Protein backbone atom coordinates (compact mmCIF):
# COMPACT_ATOMS: atom_id res chain seq x y z
CA MET A 1 -29.24 -10.70 -35.03
CA ILE A 2 -29.19 -7.73 -33.26
CA ARG A 3 -29.79 -4.15 -34.28
CA LEU A 4 -27.18 -2.03 -32.71
CA ARG A 5 -27.86 0.97 -30.32
CA PRO A 6 -25.42 3.29 -28.97
CA GLU A 7 -24.70 2.68 -25.00
CA SER A 8 -23.15 3.86 -22.13
CA VAL A 9 -20.15 1.60 -21.14
CA SER A 10 -17.37 1.71 -18.77
CA ILE A 11 -14.36 0.10 -20.15
CA SER A 12 -11.99 -1.78 -17.84
CA ASP A 13 -8.76 -3.63 -18.01
CA LEU A 14 -8.60 -6.66 -15.70
CA LEU A 15 -5.17 -6.79 -14.39
CA PRO A 16 -2.81 -9.12 -11.84
CA GLY A 17 -1.49 -7.78 -9.01
CA ARG A 18 -0.17 -8.29 -5.40
CA VAL A 19 -1.03 -7.38 -2.02
CA VAL A 20 1.24 -5.12 -0.24
CA ALA A 21 0.49 -4.55 3.91
CA PHE A 22 -0.31 -0.65 4.44
CA ARG A 23 2.66 -0.62 7.25
CA THR A 24 5.54 -3.13 8.15
CA ALA A 25 7.27 -3.21 11.06
CA GLU A 26 10.29 -5.08 11.98
CA ILE A 27 10.42 -5.58 15.47
CA ARG A 28 14.74 -5.37 16.27
CA PRO A 29 16.07 -4.35 19.81
CA GLN A 30 17.58 -1.02 20.18
CA VAL A 31 19.87 -2.80 23.11
CA GLY A 32 21.35 -6.37 23.41
CA GLY A 33 20.11 -8.99 26.17
CA VAL A 34 19.07 -12.29 26.73
CA ILE A 35 15.41 -12.58 25.69
CA ARG A 36 13.63 -13.69 28.95
CA GLU A 37 10.03 -14.07 27.62
CA SER A 38 7.80 -13.52 24.69
CA LEU A 39 4.73 -10.98 25.41
CA PHE A 40 2.14 -11.24 22.48
CA ARG A 41 0.44 -14.34 20.93
CA GLN A 42 1.67 -15.36 17.19
CA GLY A 43 -1.06 -14.22 14.84
CA SER A 44 -2.95 -11.78 16.52
CA GLU A 45 -3.81 -8.18 16.51
CA VAL A 46 -1.53 -6.17 18.44
CA ALA A 47 -1.84 -2.14 19.45
CA ALA A 48 0.93 0.13 19.12
CA GLY A 49 3.37 0.45 21.72
CA GLN A 50 2.34 -3.14 23.19
CA PRO A 51 4.99 -4.79 24.83
CA LEU A 52 6.12 -7.78 22.58
CA PHE A 53 9.51 -9.01 24.30
CA GLN A 54 11.14 -8.62 27.54
CA LEU A 55 14.90 -8.94 27.85
CA ASP A 56 16.43 -9.48 31.23
CA PRO A 57 16.97 -5.82 32.58
CA ALA A 58 19.23 -6.93 35.67
CA PRO A 59 22.48 -5.61 33.83
CA PHE A 60 20.39 -1.96 32.66
CA ALA A 61 19.22 -1.69 36.42
CA ALA A 62 22.57 -2.01 37.58
CA GLU A 63 24.11 0.28 35.11
CA THR A 64 20.93 2.97 35.83
CA ALA A 65 21.97 2.72 39.73
CA MET A 66 25.55 3.32 39.05
CA ALA A 67 25.06 6.27 37.10
CA ALA A 68 22.48 7.63 39.56
CA ALA A 69 25.23 7.59 42.24
CA ALA A 70 27.82 9.12 39.58
CA LEU A 71 25.31 12.12 39.62
CA GLN A 72 24.96 12.47 43.44
CA ARG A 73 28.73 12.19 43.37
CA THR A 74 29.45 15.30 40.99
CA GLU A 75 25.86 17.13 42.45
CA SER A 76 28.10 17.23 45.78
CA VAL A 77 31.31 18.48 44.48
CA LEU A 78 29.40 21.47 42.61
CA SER A 79 27.68 22.39 45.99
CA ARG A 80 31.26 22.50 47.79
CA ALA A 81 32.14 24.41 44.73
CA GLU A 82 29.58 27.00 45.05
CA ILE A 83 30.05 27.44 48.79
CA GLN A 84 34.14 28.01 48.22
CA VAL A 85 33.27 30.33 45.81
CA GLY A 86 31.00 32.30 48.48
CA ARG A 87 33.46 31.99 50.78
CA ILE A 88 36.24 33.28 48.53
CA GLU A 89 34.05 35.93 46.93
CA THR A 90 33.22 37.27 51.23
CA LEU A 91 37.03 37.65 51.38
CA LEU A 92 37.80 39.63 48.26
CA LYS A 93 35.89 42.30 49.75
CA THR A 94 38.05 43.18 52.30
CA HIS A 95 41.07 41.93 50.17
CA ALA A 96 41.29 38.82 52.45
CA ALA A 97 41.99 37.03 49.25
CA SER A 98 43.35 37.26 45.83
CA ARG A 99 41.45 37.60 42.20
CA GLN A 100 43.32 34.47 41.19
CA ALA A 101 42.01 32.39 44.10
CA HIS A 102 38.45 33.67 43.08
CA GLU A 103 39.15 32.90 39.23
CA ASP A 104 40.60 29.58 40.21
CA ALA A 105 36.82 29.03 42.62
CA LEU A 106 34.79 29.79 39.85
CA ALA A 107 36.65 27.61 37.33
CA LEU A 108 35.95 24.87 39.34
CA ARG A 109 32.20 25.79 39.81
CA ALA A 110 32.13 25.52 36.00
CA GLN A 111 34.04 22.44 35.72
CA ALA A 112 31.58 21.04 38.32
CA ALA A 113 28.69 21.95 37.00
CA ALA A 114 29.95 20.33 33.75
CA ASP A 115 30.28 17.39 35.66
CA VAL A 116 26.58 17.40 36.88
CA ALA A 117 25.36 17.89 33.18
CA GLN A 118 27.47 15.15 31.93
CA SER A 119 26.46 12.76 34.75
CA ARG A 120 22.58 13.53 34.20
CA ALA A 121 22.68 12.79 30.46
CA ALA A 122 24.49 9.52 31.05
CA LEU A 123 21.59 8.66 34.02
CA GLU A 124 19.25 9.67 31.42
CA ARG A 125 21.00 7.12 28.71
CA ARG A 126 21.35 4.75 31.11
CA ARG A 127 17.66 4.82 32.06
CA LEU A 128 16.29 4.68 28.04
CA ASP A 129 18.33 1.17 28.10
CA LEU A 130 16.54 0.30 30.51
CA GLY A 131 13.50 1.25 28.81
CA PHE A 132 14.59 -0.52 26.03
CA THR A 133 14.65 -4.10 27.61
CA THR A 134 10.72 -4.03 26.88
CA ILE A 135 10.62 -4.10 23.33
CA ARG A 136 7.19 -2.64 22.09
CA SER A 137 4.99 -2.16 18.84
CA PRO A 138 5.91 0.93 17.01
CA ILE A 139 2.39 0.22 14.65
CA ALA A 140 -0.41 -1.54 15.16
CA GLY A 141 -1.48 -4.68 12.96
CA ARG A 142 -0.95 -8.08 12.82
CA ILE A 143 1.98 -9.75 14.20
CA ASP A 144 3.48 -12.97 12.36
CA GLN A 145 5.26 -15.71 14.23
CA ALA A 146 8.28 -14.91 16.51
CA LEU A 147 11.50 -15.69 15.13
CA ALA A 148 13.52 -15.64 18.30
CA SER A 149 12.57 -17.62 21.42
CA GLU A 150 13.04 -17.18 25.18
CA GLY A 151 16.66 -17.74 26.13
CA ALA A 152 17.99 -16.64 22.56
CA LEU A 153 20.51 -13.33 22.58
CA ALA A 154 19.01 -10.57 20.66
CA VAL A 155 21.91 -8.03 19.33
CA VAL A 156 21.54 -4.81 18.28
CA SER A 157 21.23 -4.78 14.08
CA THR A 158 20.24 -8.53 13.62
CA SER A 159 17.26 -9.99 12.15
CA PRO A 160 14.23 -9.04 13.33
CA LEU A 161 12.87 -10.77 15.92
CA ALA A 162 9.07 -10.58 14.66
CA VAL A 163 7.18 -8.47 12.12
CA VAL A 164 4.11 -6.46 12.42
CA GLN A 165 1.84 -5.85 9.71
CA GLN A 166 -1.36 -3.34 9.58
CA ILE A 167 -3.48 -4.90 7.25
CA ASP A 168 -7.20 -3.56 7.83
CA ARG A 169 -6.15 -0.99 5.13
CA VAL A 170 -3.97 -2.60 1.79
CA TYR A 171 -2.01 -1.36 -1.07
CA ILE A 172 -2.35 -3.40 -4.16
CA ASP A 173 0.41 -3.00 -6.73
CA LEU A 174 -0.79 -3.45 -10.21
CA ARG A 175 1.22 -3.38 -13.62
CA GLN A 176 -0.33 -1.30 -16.48
CA PRO A 177 0.95 -0.27 -20.01
CA ALA A 178 3.01 2.80 -19.79
CA ARG A 179 1.13 4.37 -22.62
CA ARG A 180 -2.30 4.46 -20.78
CA LEU A 181 -0.50 6.78 -18.33
CA ASP A 182 -2.37 9.27 -19.16
CA GLU A 183 -5.97 8.00 -18.78
CA LEU A 184 -4.74 6.76 -15.44
CA ARG A 185 -4.10 10.26 -14.47
CA ASP A 186 -7.39 11.07 -15.26
CA LEU A 187 -8.83 8.21 -13.36
CA ALA A 188 -6.80 9.44 -10.34
CA ARG A 189 -8.50 12.59 -10.64
CA ALA A 190 -12.08 11.38 -11.58
CA GLY A 191 -14.95 11.40 -8.50
CA SER A 192 -14.28 13.55 -5.73
CA ARG A 193 -11.79 15.36 -4.55
CA ASP A 194 -10.45 12.81 -2.17
CA ASP A 195 -11.30 9.95 -3.84
CA GLY A 196 -9.60 8.18 -7.18
CA ALA A 197 -11.43 5.78 -9.16
CA THR A 198 -13.13 2.83 -7.82
CA VAL A 199 -11.20 -0.10 -8.75
CA GLU A 200 -13.26 -3.94 -8.10
CA ILE A 201 -10.79 -6.54 -6.25
CA LEU A 202 -11.07 -9.97 -7.89
CA SER A 203 -9.58 -13.05 -6.37
CA GLY A 204 -7.63 -15.53 -8.43
CA ASP A 205 -10.08 -17.23 -10.43
CA GLY A 206 -12.31 -14.24 -10.90
CA GLN A 207 -14.49 -13.94 -8.05
CA PRO A 208 -15.35 -10.52 -6.51
CA TYR A 209 -13.67 -9.45 -2.80
CA PRO A 210 -16.71 -7.52 -0.93
CA VAL A 211 -14.24 -4.73 -0.84
CA THR A 212 -13.14 -1.68 -3.38
CA GLY A 213 -10.25 0.07 -3.76
CA LYS A 214 -9.14 3.58 -5.16
CA LEU A 215 -6.48 4.35 -7.56
CA LEU A 216 -3.78 6.31 -5.91
CA PHE A 217 -0.92 7.08 -8.39
CA SER A 218 1.06 5.45 -11.18
CA GLY A 219 5.12 4.77 -10.89
CA ILE A 220 7.12 7.12 -12.19
CA GLY A 221 9.50 4.59 -13.33
CA VAL A 222 8.93 2.36 -16.44
CA ASP A 223 10.10 -1.09 -16.77
CA PRO A 224 12.48 -1.18 -19.97
CA GLY A 225 12.06 -4.67 -20.21
CA THR A 226 8.23 -4.93 -20.49
CA SER A 227 7.16 -1.10 -20.84
CA GLU A 228 5.05 -1.51 -17.81
CA VAL A 229 4.40 0.76 -15.03
CA ILE A 230 3.21 0.46 -11.40
CA VAL A 231 -0.34 1.35 -10.32
CA ARG A 232 -1.27 1.53 -6.99
CA VAL A 233 -4.73 1.10 -5.48
CA GLU A 234 -5.40 1.37 -1.86
CA ALA A 235 -8.25 -0.58 -0.44
CA ALA A 236 -9.98 -1.21 2.91
CA ASN A 237 -9.43 -4.29 4.54
CA PRO A 238 -11.43 -4.36 7.78
CA GLU A 239 -12.22 -8.37 7.53
CA ARG A 240 -8.65 -8.91 6.71
CA PHE A 241 -9.75 -10.96 3.37
CA LEU A 242 -6.77 -9.59 1.54
CA LEU A 243 -3.34 -10.53 2.69
CA PRO A 244 -0.20 -9.10 2.01
CA GLY A 245 1.30 -11.64 -1.02
CA MET A 246 -1.88 -12.69 -1.73
CA PHE A 247 -1.99 -12.83 -6.24
CA VAL A 248 -5.30 -11.12 -7.08
CA ARG A 249 -6.95 -9.03 -10.03
CA ALA A 250 -7.78 -5.65 -10.06
CA ARG A 251 -10.78 -4.56 -12.59
CA LEU A 252 -9.04 -1.02 -13.37
CA PRO A 253 -11.45 1.66 -15.14
CA ARG A 254 -9.90 2.67 -18.01
CA GLU A 255 -12.48 4.49 -20.35
CA ARG A 256 -16.52 5.99 -19.52
CA ARG A 257 -18.10 6.18 -22.89
CA SER A 258 -21.69 7.74 -23.53
CA ASP A 259 -22.70 6.45 -27.50
CA ALA A 260 -20.54 3.18 -27.67
CA LEU A 261 -21.48 0.32 -29.84
CA LEU A 262 -21.02 -3.43 -28.87
CA VAL A 263 -21.70 -6.60 -30.05
CA PRO A 264 -21.55 -10.15 -28.88
CA LEU A 265 -18.07 -11.66 -29.00
CA GLN A 266 -19.33 -14.44 -31.02
CA ALA A 267 -20.37 -12.33 -33.84
CA VAL A 268 -17.13 -11.46 -34.65
CA LYS A 269 -15.15 -13.56 -37.12
CA ARG A 270 -11.48 -13.24 -38.28
CA ASP A 271 -10.07 -13.95 -41.98
CA GLY A 272 -7.44 -15.68 -42.82
CA ASN A 273 -5.25 -12.40 -42.61
CA GLY A 274 -6.82 -11.84 -38.88
CA ILE A 275 -8.88 -9.00 -40.09
CA ALA A 276 -12.21 -8.61 -37.93
CA GLN A 277 -15.52 -9.11 -39.63
CA VAL A 278 -18.95 -9.26 -38.64
CA ALA A 279 -22.17 -10.27 -40.92
CA LEU A 280 -25.02 -7.84 -41.60
CA VAL A 281 -28.20 -8.15 -42.81
CA ALA A 282 -28.63 -5.15 -45.63
CA ASP A 283 -31.80 -3.22 -46.82
CA ASP A 284 -32.89 -5.61 -49.18
CA GLY A 285 -32.42 -8.86 -46.92
CA GLN A 286 -29.37 -10.14 -47.94
CA MET A 287 -25.90 -10.65 -45.61
CA ARG A 288 -23.05 -9.02 -46.58
CA LEU A 289 -19.57 -8.93 -44.55
CA GLN A 290 -18.26 -5.77 -43.03
CA THR A 291 -14.61 -5.09 -42.05
CA ILE A 292 -14.53 -4.14 -38.76
CA THR A 293 -12.13 -2.27 -35.98
CA THR A 294 -12.52 -3.75 -32.48
CA GLY A 295 -11.79 -2.53 -29.32
CA ALA A 296 -12.10 -3.80 -25.26
CA GLU A 297 -14.10 -6.52 -24.38
CA VAL A 298 -16.89 -5.82 -21.61
CA ASP A 299 -18.90 -8.82 -20.42
CA GLY A 300 -18.88 -11.04 -23.02
CA ARG A 301 -19.25 -8.19 -25.42
CA ILE A 302 -17.08 -6.18 -28.13
CA VAL A 303 -16.46 -2.19 -28.02
CA ILE A 304 -16.59 -1.75 -32.23
CA GLU A 305 -14.33 0.88 -32.74
CA SER A 306 -15.48 1.58 -36.15
CA GLY A 307 -16.73 -0.06 -39.50
CA LEU A 308 -20.12 -0.30 -38.33
CA SER A 309 -23.15 2.07 -37.28
CA PRO A 310 -26.19 2.48 -35.18
CA GLY A 311 -29.18 0.46 -36.72
CA ASP A 312 -26.99 -1.65 -38.26
CA GLN A 313 -28.43 -5.83 -38.13
CA VAL A 314 -25.73 -7.86 -37.06
CA ILE A 315 -26.02 -11.58 -37.50
CA VAL A 316 -24.40 -13.13 -34.21
CA GLU A 317 -24.86 -16.95 -34.94
CA GLY A 318 -25.39 -18.97 -38.12
CA GLN A 319 -23.09 -16.89 -40.24
CA ASP A 320 -20.74 -19.63 -41.19
CA ARG A 321 -23.88 -21.39 -43.36
CA LEU A 322 -24.40 -18.04 -45.11
CA GLN A 323 -22.67 -16.40 -47.99
CA PRO A 324 -22.34 -13.20 -48.99
CA GLY A 325 -25.48 -11.99 -51.26
CA MET A 326 -27.42 -14.69 -49.96
CA GLN A 327 -30.90 -13.53 -48.81
CA VAL A 328 -31.52 -14.10 -45.30
CA LYS A 329 -34.47 -14.15 -42.84
CA ALA A 330 -33.56 -12.34 -39.60
CA MET A 331 -34.54 -13.51 -36.42
CA PRO A 332 -33.55 -11.73 -32.91
CA TRP A 333 -31.02 -13.36 -30.88
CA ARG A 334 -32.02 -15.82 -28.69
CA ALA A 335 -30.20 -14.09 -25.84
CA GLU A 336 -32.08 -10.82 -26.54
CA ARG A 337 -35.29 -12.86 -26.47
CA ILE A 338 -34.68 -14.48 -23.18
CA ALA A 339 -34.02 -11.30 -21.65
CA GLY A 340 -37.07 -9.64 -23.22
CA VAL A 341 -35.54 -7.36 -25.22
CA ASP A 342 -36.84 -6.21 -28.64
CA PRO A 343 -33.78 -6.11 -31.26
CA GLN A 344 -35.67 -4.15 -33.53
CA ARG A 345 -36.66 -0.86 -31.20
């Protein structure tokens, strides 16, 4: 048997979840062209701005040269128009030219200036297109396999050529009953100003990963089919133990108690109606059954919500051989003797 005494305990929920990349970028072409070269090693880490694919730049280089020549032509027309305006203004002072000729010259100069601006913008656009023939990564992360090879035609708005995912930090999306939203909000505000509640990350078979997460937020929508909300946890992942899509479990703190009463799971029995009971050793040494209300499980023990008080002596093993009213000689529970704990204290 054990003698109950209040304990400080943190009650947690073990929830299933999926790992989600911190950021994901689909690499798509901004101009169409034939892929001439792949510039990365599949499965490697890439830096932000690193070239990934090279399209054939020859057509875009030719268009850029044509736009540059068009700009030169419009600039020469503008220069000639400015000279003409200067001449007419000189003649206008001696009344050798009409005001109509002066206005026409000003209009031609304005048109030439507009043509220069248009040609300059066209040249800038061609230069951008030429630069887009080198397809770069917008983020730093790990790149997956190439989805297009050399010689393939890259078309704007087509399927991605590759996918880059930032996984040095990851998200873990969990599902939690909506009735615990208030508890989640309190936990998200727990700890320091910038850090939410700490969350332990476990593998599918229950082994802890050497990373911890922090609670970010819970979703604002409730699944009408399951009455659950999405809970998002952020975790540092410098060693890349967690990969996108991986199934994991997370131990999400629910409540902290300073005076909880706990009994081993094997001490709790249920009658034919499913009501939880424990066997107690009364002050007169007789065994009696006590109906209890149970709560969460914590490391092989269960929290007692009601029915027991500090100091009660609970029989852990052998209660199946006893009947209420039988005189019993209580012995310390084996697990406590092994641990060196005196249950009488």
